[in-house]
Structures are given as structure tokens and as C-alpha cells.
Amino acid sequence: MIGKIREACRQVEVDAIIGYRKKEGEPREILHVFKPDEIDKITFSPLSSNNPARLLMEILPHNEQGCSNCKGV
């Protein structure tokens, strides 16, 4: 699965890949903004049973001035 995500990221021109956690009924929590040269660093950690959050990856536009999704990270 992670290989498919990395390959998809390489096939499109992206500025950044946003890693975030989303709990039902709550806003998403940005965990990390991966730059294009960090694609190989993307990993998924298993979530413990007491943490119902799902780790999601989303490809979003990002620029040096920052954006609303990553608050300028």
C-alpha cells in the first residue's frame, strides 16, 4: 500500500504531501508536511486501540509562503 502511495506521488507534480490525523467530529490535525524529496520517508504507524484516529495522506498544493492547510510549515 505504501509503495502505491509513493508511486502515485511521483507520477503527479506536487508541492507537498500533507499527513494528517482525523478523529470523527473533530477538525483534522496536521502531523507533517512532506516535501517532494521526502516521498520515501512516508510511513504509516499502526494506531493503538485506544486511539481511534485514522492516519490519512492527502496531496495538497503548498507554497513557500505557506497555506491554510499547513499553517506555513
N, C-alpha and C. Protein backbone atom coordinates (compact mmCIF):
# COMPACT_ATOMS: atom_id res chain seq x y z
N MET A 1 0.82 -1.21 0.00
CA MET A 1 0.00 0.00 0.00
C MET A 1 0.86 1.26 0.00
N ILE A 2 1.85 1.29 0.88
CA ILE A 2 2.68 2.50 0.97
C ILE A 2 3.45 2.70 -0.33
N GLY A 3 3.84 1.61 -1.01
CA GLY A 3 4.52 1.73 -2.29
C GLY A 3 3.64 2.36 -3.34
N LYS A 4 2.36 2.03 -3.33
CA LYS A 4 1.41 2.61 -4.29
C LYS A 4 1.25 4.10 -4.04
N ILE A 5 1.24 4.50 -2.79
CA ILE A 5 1.12 5.93 -2.45
C ILE A 5 2.36 6.68 -2.93
N ARG A 6 3.53 6.12 -2.66
CA ARG A 6 4.77 6.77 -3.11
C ARG A 6 4.80 6.90 -4.63
N GLU A 7 4.41 5.83 -5.33
CA GLU A 7 4.42 5.85 -6.78
C GLU A 7 3.44 6.89 -7.33
N ALA A 8 2.26 6.97 -6.73
CA ALA A 8 1.26 7.97 -7.16
C ALA A 8 1.81 9.38 -6.95
N CYS A 9 2.52 9.61 -5.86
CA CYS A 9 3.08 10.93 -5.58
C CYS A 9 4.15 11.28 -6.62
N ARG A 10 4.90 10.29 -7.09
CA ARG A 10 5.93 10.55 -8.09
C ARG A 10 5.34 10.85 -9.46
N GLN A 11 4.15 10.33 -9.75
CA GLN A 11 3.57 10.46 -11.08
C GLN A 11 2.87 11.80 -11.29
N VAL A 12 2.60 12.54 -10.24
CA VAL A 12 1.97 13.85 -10.39
C VAL A 12 2.92 14.91 -9.86
N GLU A 13 2.77 16.10 -10.36
CA GLU A 13 3.64 17.18 -9.92
C GLU A 13 3.01 17.80 -8.68
N VAL A 14 3.61 17.56 -7.52
CA VAL A 14 3.04 18.08 -6.28
C VAL A 14 4.05 18.98 -5.59
N ASP A 15 3.53 19.88 -4.79
CA ASP A 15 4.39 20.75 -3.99
C ASP A 15 4.65 20.14 -2.62
N ALA A 16 3.66 19.42 -2.10
CA ALA A 16 3.83 18.80 -0.79
C ALA A 16 2.75 17.75 -0.59
N ILE A 17 3.03 16.82 0.28
CA ILE A 17 2.06 15.81 0.68
C ILE A 17 1.78 16.06 2.17
N ILE A 18 0.52 16.21 2.49
CA ILE A 18 0.13 16.52 3.86
C ILE A 18 -0.25 15.23 4.58
N GLY A 19 0.39 14.94 5.70
CA GLY A 19 0.00 13.80 6.53
C GLY A 19 -0.83 14.33 7.68
N TYR A 20 -2.01 13.77 7.88
CA TYR A 20 -2.84 14.27 8.96
C TYR A 20 -3.65 13.16 9.61
N ARG A 21 -4.13 13.45 10.83
CA ARG A 21 -4.95 12.52 11.59
C ARG A 21 -6.33 13.13 11.72
N LYS A 22 -7.35 12.32 11.59
CA LYS A 22 -8.73 12.84 11.65
C LYS A 22 -9.55 11.96 12.59
N LYS A 23 -10.07 12.57 13.63
CA LYS A 23 -11.00 11.88 14.53
C LYS A 23 -12.40 12.33 14.16
N GLU A 24 -13.34 11.42 14.22
CA GLU A 24 -14.71 11.74 13.83
C GLU A 24 -15.24 12.89 14.67
N GLY A 25 -15.81 13.89 13.99
CA GLY A 25 -16.39 15.03 14.68
C GLY A 25 -15.40 16.10 15.08
N GLU A 26 -14.12 15.92 14.78
CA GLU A 26 -13.10 16.91 15.13
C GLU A 26 -12.37 17.36 13.87
N PRO A 27 -11.79 18.56 13.91
CA PRO A 27 -11.01 19.00 12.74
C PRO A 27 -9.76 18.14 12.59
N ARG A 28 -9.23 18.08 11.37
CA ARG A 28 -8.04 17.27 11.17
C ARG A 28 -6.83 17.90 11.82
N GLU A 29 -5.91 17.07 12.23
CA GLU A 29 -4.69 17.50 12.88
C GLU A 29 -3.53 17.21 11.93
N ILE A 30 -2.86 18.28 11.48
CA ILE A 30 -1.73 18.11 10.57
C ILE A 30 -0.56 17.50 11.35
N LEU A 31 -0.04 16.38 10.85
CA LEU A 31 1.08 15.73 11.52
C LEU A 31 2.41 16.12 10.88
N HIS A 32 2.43 16.19 9.55
CA HIS A 32 3.68 16.52 8.88
C HIS A 32 3.40 16.97 7.46
N VAL A 33 4.20 17.86 6.96
CA VAL A 33 4.14 18.26 5.55
C VAL A 33 5.39 17.68 4.89
N PHE A 34 5.18 16.70 4.02
CA PHE A 34 6.30 16.07 3.32
C PHE A 34 6.59 16.84 2.05
N LYS A 35 7.82 17.27 1.88
CA LYS A 35 8.24 17.90 0.64
C LYS A 35 8.44 16.80 -0.41
N PRO A 36 8.45 17.14 -1.70
CA PRO A 36 8.59 16.11 -2.74
C PRO A 36 9.82 15.21 -2.57
N ASP A 37 10.94 15.75 -2.06
CA ASP A 37 12.13 14.91 -1.90
C ASP A 37 12.05 14.02 -0.66
N GLU A 38 10.95 14.11 0.09
CA GLU A 38 10.77 13.27 1.28
C GLU A 38 9.78 12.13 1.04
N ILE A 39 9.39 11.90 -0.21
CA ILE A 39 8.38 10.88 -0.51
C ILE A 39 8.78 9.52 0.07
N ASP A 40 10.06 9.18 0.00
CA ASP A 40 10.50 7.87 0.50
C ASP A 40 10.46 7.79 2.03
N LYS A 41 10.25 8.91 2.71
CA LYS A 41 10.18 8.90 4.17
C LYS A 41 8.75 8.65 4.68
N ILE A 42 7.78 8.62 3.77
CA ILE A 42 6.39 8.45 4.19
C ILE A 42 6.19 7.03 4.71
N THR A 43 5.71 6.93 5.93
CA THR A 43 5.40 5.63 6.52
C THR A 43 4.08 5.73 7.26
N PHE A 44 3.49 4.60 7.55
CA PHE A 44 2.28 4.55 8.35
C PHE A 44 2.57 3.77 9.62
N SER A 45 2.24 4.32 10.77
CA SER A 45 2.39 3.60 12.02
C SER A 45 1.05 3.00 12.40
N PRO A 46 1.06 1.77 12.90
CA PRO A 46 -0.21 1.20 13.35
C PRO A 46 -0.76 2.02 14.51
N LEU A 47 -2.05 2.23 14.51
CA LEU A 47 -2.67 3.02 15.57
C LEU A 47 -3.12 2.10 16.68
N SER A 48 -2.91 2.51 17.91
CA SER A 48 -3.29 1.67 19.04
C SER A 48 -4.81 1.65 19.20
N SER A 49 -5.30 0.68 19.92
CA SER A 49 -6.76 0.52 20.07
C SER A 49 -7.37 1.67 20.86
N ASN A 50 -6.57 2.36 21.68
CA ASN A 50 -7.12 3.48 22.43
C ASN A 50 -7.03 4.80 21.67
N ASN A 51 -6.58 4.74 20.42
CA ASN A 51 -6.51 5.92 19.57
C ASN A 51 -7.30 5.64 18.30
N PRO A 52 -8.55 6.04 18.25
CA PRO A 52 -9.39 5.70 17.09
C PRO A 52 -9.12 6.53 15.84
N ALA A 53 -8.17 7.45 15.93
CA ALA A 53 -7.89 8.32 14.78
C ALA A 53 -7.32 7.51 13.62
N ARG A 54 -7.65 7.93 12.42
CA ARG A 54 -7.10 7.32 11.23
C ARG A 54 -6.03 8.24 10.66
N LEU A 55 -4.91 7.67 10.27
CA LEU A 55 -3.86 8.46 9.63
C LEU A 55 -4.14 8.50 8.14
N LEU A 56 -4.27 9.70 7.60
CA LEU A 56 -4.62 9.87 6.19
C LEU A 56 -3.53 10.67 5.50
N MET A 57 -3.38 10.44 4.21
CA MET A 57 -2.46 11.23 3.41
C MET A 57 -3.27 11.96 2.35
N GLU A 58 -2.90 13.16 2.10
CA GLU A 58 -3.62 13.94 1.10
C GLU A 58 -2.61 14.77 0.33
N ILE A 59 -2.78 14.81 -0.97
CA ILE A 59 -1.90 15.63 -1.81
C ILE A 59 -2.56 16.99 -1.97
N LEU A 60 -1.92 18.02 -1.48
CA LEU A 60 -2.49 19.37 -1.50
C LEU A 60 -1.47 20.36 -2.03
N PRO A 61 -1.94 21.44 -2.63
CA PRO A 61 -0.99 22.47 -3.07
C PRO A 61 -0.33 23.13 -1.86
N HIS A 62 0.91 23.49 -2.02
CA HIS A 62 1.66 24.10 -0.92
C HIS A 62 2.68 25.05 -1.55
N ASN A 63 2.93 26.15 -0.90
CA ASN A 63 3.94 27.06 -1.43
C ASN A 63 4.79 27.61 -0.30
N GLU A 64 5.87 28.28 -0.66
CA GLU A 64 6.82 28.77 0.34
C GLU A 64 6.20 29.78 1.30
N GLN A 65 5.17 30.49 0.86
CA GLN A 65 4.53 31.47 1.73
C GLN A 65 3.60 30.79 2.75
N GLY A 66 3.40 29.51 2.57
CA GLY A 66 2.52 28.79 3.49
C GLY A 66 1.11 28.76 2.94
N CYS A 67 0.30 27.92 3.52
CA CYS A 67 -1.08 27.80 3.08
C CYS A 67 -1.96 27.48 4.28
N SER A 68 -3.26 27.57 4.10
CA SER A 68 -4.17 27.36 5.22
C SER A 68 -4.14 25.91 5.72
N ASN A 69 -3.73 24.98 4.86
CA ASN A 69 -3.72 23.58 5.27
C ASN A 69 -2.58 23.25 6.23
N CYS A 70 -1.44 23.90 6.06
CA CYS A 70 -0.30 23.54 6.90
C CYS A 70 0.19 24.71 7.75
N LYS A 71 -0.49 25.82 7.71
CA LYS A 71 -0.16 26.99 8.53
C LYS A 71 1.30 27.42 8.36
N GLY A 72 1.77 27.36 7.10
CA GLY A 72 3.10 27.89 6.81
C GLY A 72 4.26 26.97 7.15
N VAL A 73 3.99 25.69 7.42
CA VAL A 73 5.08 24.76 7.75
C VAL A 73 5.99 24.61 6.55
